[in-house]
Amino acid sequence: MGDQNLSKFLVFYQDVNYDDVFTPELIAEITQNHVDYLRDLDTKGVLFMCGLLKGTEEGMLMLNAQTWEEAESIVLKDPMIVNKGYKRYVIQEIVEANAGNNYLLDAHAME
């Protein structure tokens, strides 16, 4: 994924689903499928990073995508979301601050 037009999207997986009854076997299967999905995204250059938020049960992904809609389509295929492991997700596009854009010091000029 060498496309310079890609943006980064930060995705938060929130509200672990305790309403539905998941057997230990089902949890293990969903988790393995989720990890396999992340590995595939990583291989394709879509996954920038992922992890858990320390001290919580919330997860996060940082994705390379062209649009918010593309990022959402990636999230909606994640087995953790498909199987309702989390009740909700939040996607935010990141406006990167770096030397090339003067660390957004002139951000008001970009609006």
PDB file of N, CA and C in Angstrom:
ATOM      1  N   MET A   1       0.835  -1.194   0.000  1.00  0.00           N
ATOM      2  CA  MET A   1       0.000   0.000   0.000  1.00  0.00           C
ATOM      3  C   MET A   1       0.869   1.243   0.000  1.00  0.00           C
ATOM      4  N   GLY A   2       1.432   1.583  -1.129  1.00  0.00           N
ATOM      5  CA  GLY A   2       2.278   2.740  -1.210  1.00  0.00           C
ATOM      6  C   GLY A   2       1.523   4.003  -1.579  1.00  0.00           C
ATOM      7  N   ASP A   3       0.234   3.977  -1.606  1.00  0.00           N
ATOM      8  CA  ASP A   3      -0.588   5.108  -2.017  1.00  0.00           C
ATOM      9  C   ASP A   3      -0.449   6.268  -1.034  1.00  0.00           C
ATOM     10  N   GLN A   4       0.006   7.408  -1.536  1.00  0.00           N
ATOM     11  CA  GLN A   4       0.192   8.582  -0.689  1.00  0.00           C
ATOM     12  C   GLN A   4      -1.133   9.239  -0.307  1.00  0.00           C
ATOM     13  N   ASN A   5      -2.232   8.847  -0.948  1.00  0.00           N
ATOM     14  CA  ASN A   5      -3.530   9.449  -0.660  1.00  0.00           C
ATOM     15  C   ASN A   5      -4.243   8.775   0.514  1.00  0.00           C
ATOM     16  N   LEU A   6      -3.575   7.850   1.169  1.00  0.00           N
ATOM     17  CA  LEU A   6      -4.202   7.160   2.288  1.00  0.00           C
ATOM     18  C   LEU A   6      -4.184   8.037   3.528  1.00  0.00           C
ATOM     19  N   SER A   7      -5.249   7.956   4.276  1.00  0.00           N
ATOM     20  CA  SER A   7      -5.336   8.616   5.574  1.00  0.00           C
ATOM     21  C   SER A   7      -5.242   7.551   6.647  1.00  0.00           C
ATOM     22  N   LYS A   8      -5.035   7.993   7.868  1.00  0.00           N
ATOM     23  CA  LYS A   8      -5.045   7.074   9.001  1.00  0.00           C
ATOM     24  C   LYS A   8      -6.337   7.293   9.780  1.00  0.00           C
ATOM     25  N   PHE A   9      -6.921   6.186  10.186  1.00  0.00           N
ATOM     26  CA  PHE A   9      -8.162   6.219  10.954  1.00  0.00           C
ATOM     27  C   PHE A   9      -7.947   5.467  12.255  1.00  0.00           C
ATOM     28  N   LEU A  10      -8.325   6.096  13.346  1.00  0.00           N
ATOM     29  CA  LEU A  10      -8.239   5.479  14.660  1.00  0.00           C
ATOM     30  C   LEU A  10      -9.608   4.914  14.999  1.00  0.00           C
ATOM     31  N   VAL A  11      -9.632   3.629  15.311  1.00  0.00           N
ATOM     32  CA  VAL A  11     -10.885   2.932  15.600  1.00  0.00           C
ATOM     33  C   VAL A  11     -10.840   2.447  17.038  1.00  0.00           C
ATOM     34  N   PHE A  12     -11.860   2.766  17.797  1.00  0.00           N
ATOM     35  CA  PHE A  12     -11.994   2.274  19.166  1.00  0.00           C
ATOM     36  C   PHE A  12     -13.113   1.250  19.208  1.00  0.00           C
ATOM     37  N   TYR A  13     -12.826   0.069  19.746  1.00  0.00           N
ATOM     38  CA  TYR A  13     -13.848  -0.949  20.001  1.00  0.00           C
ATOM     39  C   TYR A  13     -14.245  -0.786  21.459  1.00  0.00           C
ATOM     40  N   GLN A  14     -15.537  -0.529  21.696  1.00  0.00           N
ATOM     41  CA  GLN A  14     -16.002  -0.192  23.036  1.00  0.00           C
ATOM     42  C   GLN A  14     -17.174  -1.067  23.459  1.00  0.00           C
ATOM     43  N   ASP A  15     -17.379  -1.132  24.745  1.00  0.00           N
ATOM     44  CA  ASP A  15     -18.525  -1.823  25.351  1.00  0.00           C
ATOM     45  C   ASP A  15     -18.524  -3.312  25.010  1.00  0.00           C
ATOM     46  N   VAL A  16     -17.694  -4.054  25.724  1.00  0.00           N
ATOM     47  CA  VAL A  16     -17.673  -5.509  25.564  1.00  0.00           C
ATOM     48  C   VAL A  16     -19.082  -6.041  25.760  1.00  0.00           C
ATOM     49  N   ASN A  17     -19.473  -6.954  24.921  1.00  0.00           N
ATOM     50  CA  ASN A  17     -20.827  -7.498  24.951  1.00  0.00           C
ATOM     51  C   ASN A  17     -20.923  -8.609  26.003  1.00  0.00           C
ATOM     52  N   TYR A  18     -21.462  -8.263  27.150  1.00  0.00           N
ATOM     53  CA  TYR A  18     -21.719  -9.260  28.199  1.00  0.00           C
ATOM     54  C   TYR A  18     -23.182  -9.692  28.194  1.00  0.00           C
ATOM     55  N   ASP A  19     -23.989  -9.066  27.327  1.00  0.00           N
ATOM     56  CA  ASP A  19     -25.408  -9.405  27.276  1.00  0.00           C
ATOM     57  C   ASP A  19     -25.635 -10.784  26.672  1.00  0.00           C
ATOM     58  N   ASP A  20     -24.868 -11.113  25.646  1.00  0.00           N
ATOM     59  CA  ASP A  20     -24.997 -12.418  25.005  1.00  0.00           C
ATOM     60  C   ASP A  20     -24.117 -13.427  25.735  1.00  0.00           C
ATOM     61  N   VAL A  21     -24.536 -14.654  25.726  1.00  0.00           N
ATOM     62  CA  VAL A  21     -23.769 -15.716  26.382  1.00  0.00           C
ATOM     63  C   VAL A  21     -22.811 -16.321  25.365  1.00  0.00           C
ATOM     64  N   PHE A  22     -21.523 -16.161  25.624  1.00  0.00           N
ATOM     65  CA  PHE A  22     -20.492 -16.743  24.784  1.00  0.00           C
ATOM     66  C   PHE A  22     -19.814 -17.859  25.568  1.00  0.00           C
ATOM     67  N   THR A  23     -19.744 -19.028  24.977  1.00  0.00           N
ATOM     68  CA  THR A  23     -19.029 -20.135  25.617  1.00  0.00           C
ATOM     69  C   THR A  23     -17.533 -19.867  25.512  1.00  0.00           C
ATOM     70  N   PRO A  24     -16.739 -20.471  26.377  1.00  0.00           N
ATOM     71  CA  PRO A  24     -15.278 -20.308  26.257  1.00  0.00           C
ATOM     72  C   PRO A  24     -14.763 -20.731  24.879  1.00  0.00           C
ATOM     73  N   GLU A  25     -15.370 -21.758  24.321  1.00  0.00           N
ATOM     74  CA  GLU A  25     -14.954 -22.230  22.991  1.00  0.00           C
ATOM     75  C   GLU A  25     -15.264 -21.172  21.919  1.00  0.00           C
ATOM     76  N   LEU A  26     -16.435 -20.553  22.011  1.00  0.00           N
ATOM     77  CA  LEU A  26     -16.810 -19.528  21.048  1.00  0.00           C
ATOM     78  C   LEU A  26     -15.917 -18.299  21.187  1.00  0.00           C
ATOM     79  N   ILE A  27     -15.616 -17.915  22.405  1.00  0.00           N
ATOM     80  CA  ILE A  27     -14.716 -16.785  22.636  1.00  0.00           C
ATOM     81  C   ILE A  27     -13.350 -17.063  22.015  1.00  0.00           C
ATOM     82  N   ALA A  28     -12.837 -18.283  22.216  1.00  0.00           N
ATOM     83  CA  ALA A  28     -11.536 -18.656  21.649  1.00  0.00           C
ATOM     84  C   ALA A  28     -11.580 -18.617  20.120  1.00  0.00           C
ATOM     85  N   GLU A  29     -12.663 -19.097  19.536  1.00  0.00           N
ATOM     86  CA  GLU A  29     -12.806 -19.114  18.078  1.00  0.00           C
ATOM     87  C   GLU A  29     -12.888 -17.698  17.515  1.00  0.00           C
ATOM     88  N   ILE A  30     -13.714 -16.851  18.131  1.00  0.00           N
ATOM     89  CA  ILE A  30     -13.858 -15.469  17.660  1.00  0.00           C
ATOM     90  C   ILE A  30     -12.525 -14.731  17.787  1.00  0.00           C
ATOM     91  N   THR A  31     -11.843 -14.930  18.902  1.00  0.00           N
ATOM     92  CA  THR A  31     -10.563 -14.267  19.125  1.00  0.00           C
ATOM     93  C   THR A  31      -9.539 -14.710  18.087  1.00  0.00           C
ATOM     94  N   GLN A  32      -9.472 -16.006  17.807  1.00  0.00           N
ATOM     95  CA  GLN A  32      -8.529 -16.499  16.800  1.00  0.00           C
ATOM     96  C   GLN A  32      -8.856 -15.933  15.417  1.00  0.00           C
ATOM     97  N   ASN A  33     -10.148 -15.902  15.072  1.00  0.00           N
ATOM     98  CA  ASN A  33     -10.558 -15.343  13.776  1.00  0.00           C
ATOM     99  C   ASN A  33     -10.236 -13.850  13.685  1.00  0.00           C
ATOM    100  N   HIS A  34     -10.405 -13.140  14.797  1.00  0.00           N
ATOM    101  CA  HIS A  34     -10.076 -11.711  14.866  1.00  0.00           C
ATOM    102  C   HIS A  34      -8.581 -11.510  14.618  1.00  0.00           C
ATOM    103  N   VAL A  35      -7.748 -12.302  15.291  1.00  0.00           N
ATOM    104  CA  VAL A  35      -6.297 -12.194  15.128  1.00  0.00           C
ATOM    105  C   VAL A  35      -5.890 -12.544  13.691  1.00  0.00           C
ATOM    106  N   ASP A  36      -6.500 -13.571  13.126  1.00  0.00           N
ATOM    107  CA  ASP A  36      -6.215 -13.924  11.727  1.00  0.00           C
ATOM    108  C   ASP A  36      -6.576 -12.773  10.798  1.00  0.00           C
ATOM    109  N   TYR A  37      -7.687 -12.103  11.070  1.00  0.00           N
ATOM    110  CA  TYR A  37      -8.119 -10.957  10.264  1.00  0.00           C
ATOM    111  C   TYR A  37      -7.098  -9.817  10.384  1.00  0.00           C
ATOM    112  N   LEU A  38      -6.645  -9.553  11.614  1.00  0.00           N
ATOM    113  CA  LEU A  38      -5.643  -8.507  11.821  1.00  0.00           C
ATOM    114  C   LEU A  38      -4.350  -8.839  11.085  1.00  0.00           C
ATOM    115  N   ARG A  39      -3.941 -10.101  11.135  1.00  0.00           N
ATOM    116  CA  ARG A  39      -2.727 -10.517  10.407  1.00  0.00           C
ATOM    117  C   ARG A  39      -2.869 -10.257   8.908  1.00  0.00           C
ATOM    118  N   ASP A  40      -4.044 -10.564   8.376  1.00  0.00           N
ATOM    119  CA  ASP A  40      -4.298 -10.340   6.953  1.00  0.00           C
ATOM    120  C   ASP A  40      -4.233  -8.849   6.624  1.00  0.00           C
ATOM    121  N   LEU A  41      -4.858  -8.014   7.460  1.00  0.00           N
ATOM    122  CA  LEU A  41      -4.811  -6.566   7.245  1.00  0.00           C
ATOM    123  C   LEU A  41      -3.371  -6.061   7.316  1.00  0.00           C
ATOM    124  N   ASP A  42      -2.594  -6.602   8.245  1.00  0.00           N
ATOM    125  CA  ASP A  42      -1.201  -6.204   8.395  1.00  0.00           C
ATOM    126  C   ASP A  42      -0.401  -6.573   7.152  1.00  0.00           C
ATOM    127  N   THR A  43      -0.607  -7.769   6.646  1.00  0.00           N
ATOM    128  CA  THR A  43       0.083  -8.230   5.440  1.00  0.00           C
ATOM    129  C   THR A  43      -0.228  -7.334   4.249  1.00  0.00           C
ATOM    130  N   LYS A  44      -1.457  -6.837   4.187  1.00  0.00           N
ATOM    131  CA  LYS A  44      -1.886  -5.976   3.077  1.00  0.00           C
ATOM    132  C   LYS A  44      -1.502  -4.511   3.262  1.00  0.00           C
ATOM    133  N   GLY A  45      -0.920  -4.166   4.415  1.00  0.00           N
ATOM    134  CA  GLY A  45      -0.540  -2.785   4.669  1.00  0.00           C
ATOM    135  C   GLY A  45      -1.682  -1.900   5.122  1.00  0.00           C
ATOM    136  N   VAL A  46      -2.806  -2.507   5.476  1.00  0.00           N
ATOM    137  CA  VAL A  46      -3.984  -1.751   5.924  1.00  0.00           C
ATOM    138  C   VAL A  46      -3.884  -1.436   7.421  1.00  0.00           C
ATOM    139  N   LEU A  47      -3.360  -2.388   8.189  1.00  0.00           N
ATOM    140  CA  LEU A  47      -3.244  -2.216   9.637  1.00  0.00           C
ATOM    141  C   LEU A  47      -1.940  -1.509   9.957  1.00  0.00           C
ATOM    142  N   PHE A  48      -2.038  -0.337  10.554  1.00  0.00           N
ATOM    143  CA  PHE A  48      -0.854   0.407  10.978  1.00  0.00           C
ATOM    144  C   PHE A  48      -0.419  -0.066  12.356  1.00  0.00           C
ATOM    145  N   MET A  49      -1.385  -0.208  13.253  1.00  0.00           N
ATOM    146  CA  MET A  49      -1.123  -0.748  14.589  1.00  0.00           C
ATOM    147  C   MET A  49      -2.437  -1.111  15.250  1.00  0.00           C
ATOM    148  N   CYS A  50      -2.363  -1.911  16.299  1.00  0.00           N
ATOM    149  CA  CYS A  50      -3.557  -2.284  17.051  1.00  0.00           C
ATOM    150  C   CYS A  50      -3.147  -2.652  18.468  1.00  0.00           C
ATOM    151  N   GLY A  51      -4.124  -2.740  19.349  1.00  0.00           N
ATOM    152  CA  GLY A  51      -3.839  -3.143  20.718  1.00  0.00           C
ATOM    153  C   GLY A  51      -5.018  -2.892  21.624  1.00  0.00           C
ATOM    154  N   LEU A  52      -4.783  -3.182  22.886  1.00  0.00           N
ATOM    155  CA  LEU A  52      -5.777  -2.905  23.924  1.00  0.00           C
ATOM    156  C   LEU A  52      -5.397  -1.616  24.635  1.00  0.00           C
ATOM    157  N   LEU A  53      -6.388  -0.917  25.147  1.00  0.00           N
ATOM    158  CA  LEU A  53      -6.128   0.279  25.933  1.00  0.00           C
ATOM    159  C   LEU A  53      -5.871  -0.167  27.362  1.00  0.00           C
ATOM    160  N   LYS A  54      -4.695   0.110  27.865  1.00  0.00           N
ATOM    161  CA  LYS A  54      -4.251  -0.370  29.169  1.00  0.00           C
ATOM    162  C   LYS A  54      -5.264  -0.036  30.260  1.00  0.00           C
ATOM    163  N   GLY A  55      -5.555  -1.044  31.054  1.00  0.00           N
ATOM    164  CA  GLY A  55      -6.476  -0.860  32.174  1.00  0.00           C
ATOM    165  C   GLY A  55      -7.937  -0.930  31.781  1.00  0.00           C
ATOM    166  N   THR A  56      -8.210  -1.255  30.505  1.00  0.00           N
ATOM    167  CA  THR A  56      -9.595  -1.350  30.036  1.00  0.00           C
ATOM    168  C   THR A  56      -9.764  -2.632  29.235  1.00  0.00           C
ATOM    169  N   GLU A  57     -10.978  -2.877  28.805  1.00  0.00           N
ATOM    170  CA  GLU A  57     -11.253  -3.978  27.889  1.00  0.00           C
ATOM    171  C   GLU A  57     -11.476  -3.466  26.473  1.00  0.00           C
ATOM    172  N   GLU A  58     -11.210  -2.193  26.265  1.00  0.00           N
ATOM    173  CA  GLU A  58     -11.399  -1.597  24.953  1.00  0.00           C
ATOM    174  C   GLU A  58     -10.198  -1.873  24.067  1.00  0.00           C
ATOM    175  N   GLY A  59     -10.478  -2.010  22.774  1.00  0.00           N
ATOM    176  CA  GLY A  59      -9.420  -2.223  21.803  1.00  0.00           C
ATOM    177  C   GLY A  59      -9.340  -1.056  20.851  1.00  0.00           C
ATOM    178  N   MET A  60      -8.214  -0.982  20.144  1.00  0.00           N
ATOM    179  CA  MET A  60      -8.060   0.063  19.142  1.00  0.00           C
ATOM    180  C   MET A  60      -7.306  -0.479  17.945  1.00  0.00           C
ATOM    181  N   LEU A  61      -7.641   0.087  16.802  1.00  0.00           N
ATOM    182  CA  LEU A  61      -6.942  -0.185  15.560  1.00  0.00           C
ATOM    183  C   LEU A  61      -6.578   1.150  14.945  1.00  0.00           C
ATOM    184  N   MET A  62      -5.446   1.212  14.276  1.00  0.00           N
ATOM    185  CA  MET A  62      -5.151   2.355  13.433  1.00  0.00           C
ATOM    186  C   MET A  62      -5.013   1.792  12.026  1.00  0.00           C
ATOM    187  N   LEU A  63      -5.860   2.291  11.133  1.00  0.00           N
ATOM    188  CA  LEU A  63      -5.954   1.757   9.782  1.00  0.00           C
ATOM    189  C   LEU A  63      -5.502   2.768   8.743  1.00  0.00           C
ATOM    190  N   ASN A  64      -4.929   2.259   7.660  1.00  0.00           N
ATOM    191  CA  ASN A  64      -4.648   3.053   6.468  1.00  0.00           C
ATOM    192  C   ASN A  64      -5.819   2.838   5.514  1.00  0.00           C
ATOM    193  N   ALA A  65      -6.499   3.902   5.146  1.00  0.00           N
ATOM    194  CA  ALA A  65      -7.638   3.805   4.229  1.00  0.00           C
ATOM    195  C   ALA A  65      -7.787   5.130   3.495  1.00  0.00           C
ATOM    196  N   GLN A  66      -8.491   5.091   2.385  1.00  0.00           N
ATOM    197  CA  GLN A  66      -8.693   6.316   1.609  1.00  0.00           C
ATOM    198  C   GLN A  66      -9.830   7.167   2.164  1.00  0.00           C
ATOM    199  N   THR A  67     -10.858   6.526   2.719  1.00  0.00           N
ATOM    200  CA  THR A  67     -12.025   7.265   3.206  1.00  0.00           C
ATOM    201  C   THR A  67     -12.521   6.663   4.517  1.00  0.00           C
ATOM    202  N   TRP A  68     -13.355   7.437   5.211  1.00  0.00           N
ATOM    203  CA  TRP A  68     -13.991   6.944   6.429  1.00  0.00           C
ATOM    204  C   TRP A  68     -14.834   5.716   6.100  1.00  0.00           C
ATOM    205  N   GLU A  69     -15.513   5.747   4.978  1.00  0.00           N
ATOM    206  CA  GLU A  69     -16.371   4.627   4.579  1.00  0.00           C
ATOM    207  C   GLU A  69     -15.550   3.357   4.355  1.00  0.00           C
ATOM    208  N   GLU A  70     -14.383   3.508   3.761  1.00  0.00           N
ATOM    209  CA  GLU A  70     -13.515   2.342   3.570  1.00  0.00           C
ATOM    210  C   GLU A  70     -13.059   1.791   4.923  1.00  0.00           C
ATOM    211  N   ALA A  71     -12.687   2.683   5.830  1.00  0.00           N
ATOM    212  CA  ALA A  71     -12.287   2.245   7.177  1.00  0.00           C
ATOM    213  C   ALA A  71     -13.435   1.503   7.853  1.00  0.00           C
ATOM    214  N   GLU A  72     -14.649   2.025   7.732  1.00  0.00           N
ATOM    215  CA  GLU A  72     -15.790   1.354   8.344  1.00  0.00           C
ATOM    216  C   GLU A  72     -16.032  -0.012   7.713  1.00  0.00           C
ATOM    217  N   SER A  73     -15.865  -0.124   6.414  1.00  0.00           N
ATOM    218  CA  SER A  73     -16.085  -1.430   5.774  1.00  0.00           C
ATOM    219  C   SER A  73     -15.076  -2.459   6.278  1.00  0.00           C
ATOM    220  N   ILE A  74     -13.870  -2.013   6.592  1.00  0.00           N
ATOM    221  CA  ILE A  74     -12.855  -2.906   7.158  1.00  0.00           C
ATOM    222  C   ILE A  74     -13.290  -3.350   8.555  1.00  0.00           C
ATOM    223  N   VAL A  75     -13.746  -2.416   9.359  1.00  0.00           N
ATOM    224  CA  VAL A  75     -14.201  -2.717  10.724  1.00  0.00           C
ATOM    225  C   VAL A  75     -15.382  -3.689  10.695  1.00  0.00           C
ATOM    226  N   LEU A  76     -16.319  -3.458   9.790  1.00  0.00           N
ATOM    227  CA  LEU A  76     -17.533  -4.282   9.743  1.00  0.00           C
ATOM    228  C   LEU A  76     -17.265  -5.725   9.318  1.00  0.00           C
ATOM    229  N   LYS A  77     -16.081  -6.004   8.779  1.00  0.00           N
ATOM    230  CA  LYS A  77     -15.705  -7.373   8.411  1.00  0.00           C
ATOM    231  C   LYS A  77     -14.902  -8.073   9.507  1.00  0.00           C
ATOM    232  N   ASP A  78     -14.530  -7.341  10.540  1.00  0.00           N
ATOM    233  CA  ASP A  78     -13.742  -7.916  11.638  1.00  0.00           C
ATOM    234  C   ASP A  78     -14.608  -8.907  12.409  1.00  0.00           C
ATOM    235  N   PRO A  79     -14.145 -10.142  12.563  1.00  0.00           N
ATOM    236  CA  PRO A  79     -14.937 -11.137  13.302  1.00  0.00           C
ATOM    237  C   PRO A  79     -15.342 -10.691  14.712  1.00  0.00           C
ATOM    238  N   MET A  80     -14.563  -9.813  15.326  1.00  0.00           N
ATOM    239  CA  MET A  80     -14.917  -9.332  16.659  1.00  0.00           C
ATOM    240  C   MET A  80     -16.171  -8.467  16.610  1.00  0.00           C
ATOM    241  N   ILE A  81     -16.363  -7.751  15.512  1.00  0.00           N
ATOM    242  CA  ILE A  81     -17.555  -6.921  15.325  1.00  0.00           C
ATOM    243  C   ILE A  81     -18.696  -7.763  14.750  1.00  0.00           C
ATOM    244  N   VAL A  82     -18.386  -8.585  13.756  1.00  0.00           N
ATOM    245  CA  VAL A  82     -19.398  -9.448  13.131  1.00  0.00           C
ATOM    246  C   VAL A  82     -20.105 -10.295  14.186  1.00  0.00           C
ATOM    247  N   ASN A  83     -19.341 -10.823  15.149  1.00  0.00           N
ATOM    248  CA  ASN A  83     -19.887 -11.706  16.179  1.00  0.00           C
ATOM    249  C   ASN A  83     -20.307 -10.975  17.444  1.00  0.00           C
ATOM    250  N   LYS A  84     -20.325  -9.639  17.361  1.00  0.00           N
ATOM    251  CA  LYS A  84     -20.821  -8.791  18.454  1.00  0.00           C
ATOM    252  C   LYS A  84     -20.027  -8.942  19.752  1.00  0.00           C
ATOM    253  N   GLY A  85     -18.716  -9.095  19.625  1.00  0.00           N
ATOM    254  CA  GLY A  85     -17.853  -9.122  20.808  1.00  0.00           C
ATOM    255  C   GLY A  85     -17.823  -7.765  21.494  1.00  0.00           C
ATOM    256  N   TYR A  86     -17.936  -6.722  20.690  1.00  0.00           N
ATOM    257  CA  TYR A  86     -18.079  -5.356  21.196  1.00  0.00           C
ATOM    258  C   TYR A  86     -19.406  -4.815  20.687  1.00  0.00           C
ATOM    259  N   LYS A  87     -20.049  -4.000  21.532  1.00  0.00           N
ATOM    260  CA  LYS A  87     -21.346  -3.445  21.151  1.00  0.00           C
ATOM    261  C   LYS A  87     -21.220  -2.264  20.200  1.00  0.00           C
ATOM    262  N   ARG A  88     -20.092  -1.569  20.259  1.00  0.00           N
ATOM    263  CA  ARG A  88     -19.979  -0.407  19.391  1.00  0.00           C
ATOM    264  C   ARG A  88     -18.527  -0.120  19.052  1.00  0.00           C
ATOM    265  N   TYR A  89     -18.358   0.684  18.039  1.00  0.00           N
ATOM    266  CA  TYR A  89     -17.043   1.144  17.614  1.00  0.00           C
ATOM    267  C   TYR A  89     -17.156   2.618  17.258  1.00  0.00           C
ATOM    268  N   VAL A  90     -16.036   3.308  17.346  1.00  0.00           N
ATOM    269  CA  VAL A  90     -15.958   4.718  16.980  1.00  0.00           C
ATOM    270  C   VAL A  90     -14.770   4.860  16.036  1.00  0.00           C
ATOM    271  N   ILE A  91     -14.978   5.542  14.923  1.00  0.00           N
ATOM    272  CA  ILE A  91     -13.915   5.759  13.947  1.00  0.00           C
ATOM    273  C   ILE A  91     -13.651   7.262  13.839  1.00  0.00           C
ATOM    274  N   GLN A  92     -12.395   7.631  13.959  1.00  0.00           N
ATOM    275  CA  GLN A  92     -11.993   9.026  13.805  1.00  0.00           C
ATOM    276  C   GLN A  92     -10.830   9.109  12.821  1.00  0.00           C
ATOM    277  N   GLU A  93     -10.905  10.033  11.867  1.00  0.00           N
ATOM    278  CA  GLU A  93      -9.780  10.260  10.958  1.00  0.00           C
ATOM    279  C   GLU A  93      -8.729  11.099  11.676  1.00  0.00           C
ATOM    280  N   ILE A  94      -7.483  10.747  11.475  1.00  0.00           N
ATOM    281  CA  ILE A  94      -6.378  11.457  12.104  1.00  0.00           C
ATOM    282  C   ILE A  94      -5.820  12.487  11.129  1.00  0.00           C
ATOM    283  N   VAL A  95      -5.651  13.701  11.608  1.00  0.00           N
ATOM    284  CA  VAL A  95      -4.939  14.723  10.849  1.00  0.00           C
ATOM    285  C   VAL A  95      -3.533  14.738  11.446  1.00  0.00           C
ATOM    286  N   GLU A  96      -2.596  14.173  10.693  1.00  0.00           N
ATOM    287  CA  GLU A  96      -1.237  14.008  11.196  1.00  0.00           C
ATOM    288  C   GLU A  96      -0.508  15.334  11.265  1.00  0.00           C
ATOM    289  N   ALA A  97       0.151  15.567  12.379  1.00  0.00           N
ATOM    290  CA  ALA A  97       1.016  16.731  12.542  1.00  0.00           C
ATOM    291  C   ALA A  97       2.449  16.265  12.323  1.00  0.00           C
ATOM    292  N   ASN A  98       3.160  16.964  11.447  1.00  0.00           N
ATOM    293  CA  ASN A  98       4.553  16.600  11.175  1.00  0.00           C
ATOM    294  C   ASN A  98       5.303  17.832  10.682  1.00  0.00           C
ATOM    295  N   ALA A  99       6.590  17.655  10.410  1.00  0.00           N
ATOM    296  CA  ALA A  99       7.414  18.783   9.971  1.00  0.00           C
ATOM    297  C   ALA A  99       6.903  19.361   8.655  1.00  0.00           C
ATOM    298  N   GLY A 100       6.384  18.498   7.782  1.00  0.00           N
ATOM    299  CA  GLY A 100       5.907  18.944   6.475  1.00  0.00           C
ATOM    300  C   GLY A 100       4.723  19.901   6.545  1.00  0.00           C
ATOM    301  N   ASN A 101       3.925  19.827   7.619  1.00  0.00           N
ATOM    302  CA  ASN A 101       2.790  20.747   7.752  1.00  0.00           C
ATOM    303  C   ASN A 101       2.937  21.641   8.986  1.00  0.00           C
ATOM    304  N   ASN A 102       4.213  21.817   9.397  1.00  0.00           N
ATOM    305  CA  ASN A 102       4.541  22.692  10.530  1.00  0.00           C
ATOM    306  C   ASN A 102       3.778  22.288  11.793  1.00  0.00           C
ATOM    307  N   TYR A 103       3.622  20.977  11.954  1.00  0.00           N
ATOM    308  CA  TYR A 103       2.940  20.407  13.130  1.00  0.00           C
ATOM    309  C   TYR A 103       1.578  21.049  13.371  1.00  0.00           C
ATOM    310  N   LEU A 104       0.902  21.316  12.260  1.00  0.00           N
ATOM    311  CA  LEU A 104      -0.456  21.877  12.238  1.00  0.00           C
ATOM    312  C   LEU A 104      -0.538  23.276  12.854  1.00  0.00           C
ATOM    313  N   LEU A 105       0.597  23.924  12.992  1.00  0.00           N
ATOM    314  CA  LEU A 105       0.592  25.278  13.542  1.00  0.00           C
ATOM    315  C   LEU A 105      -0.256  26.201  12.686  1.00  0.00           C
ATOM    316  N   ASP A 106      -0.238  25.941  11.388  1.00  0.00           N
ATOM    317  CA  ASP A 106      -1.027  26.763  10.466  1.00  0.00           C
ATOM    318  C   ASP A 106      -2.313  26.056  10.049  1.00  0.00           C
ATOM    319  N   ALA A 107      -2.849  25.211  10.908  1.00  0.00           N
ATOM    320  CA  ALA A 107      -4.031  24.391  10.569  1.00  0.00           C
ATOM    321  C   ALA A 107      -5.217  25.260  10.164  1.00  0.00           C
ATOM    322  N   HIS A 108      -5.359  26.401  10.768  1.00  0.00           N
ATOM    323  CA  HIS A 108      -6.499  27.271  10.412  1.00  0.00           C
ATOM    324  C   HIS A 108      -6.432  27.685   8.949  1.00  0.00           C
ATOM    325  N   ALA A 109      -5.247  27.705   8.377  1.00  0.00           N
ATOM    326  CA  ALA A 109      -5.104  28.061   6.970  1.00  0.00           C
ATOM    327  C   ALA A 109      -5.563  26.923   6.066  1.00  0.00           C
ATOM    328  N   MET A 110      -5.625  25.704   6.587  1.00  0.00           N
ATOM    329  CA  MET A 110      -6.027  24.541   5.813  1.00  0.00           C
ATOM    330  C   MET A 110      -7.539  24.413   5.737  1.00  0.00           C
ATOM    331  N   GLU A 111      -8.259  25.108   6.570  1.00  0.00           N
ATOM    332  CA  GLU A 111      -9.722  24.964   6.631  1.00  0.00           C
ATOM    333  C   GLU A 111     -10.399  25.680   5.505  1.00  0.00           C
TER     334      GLU A 111
END
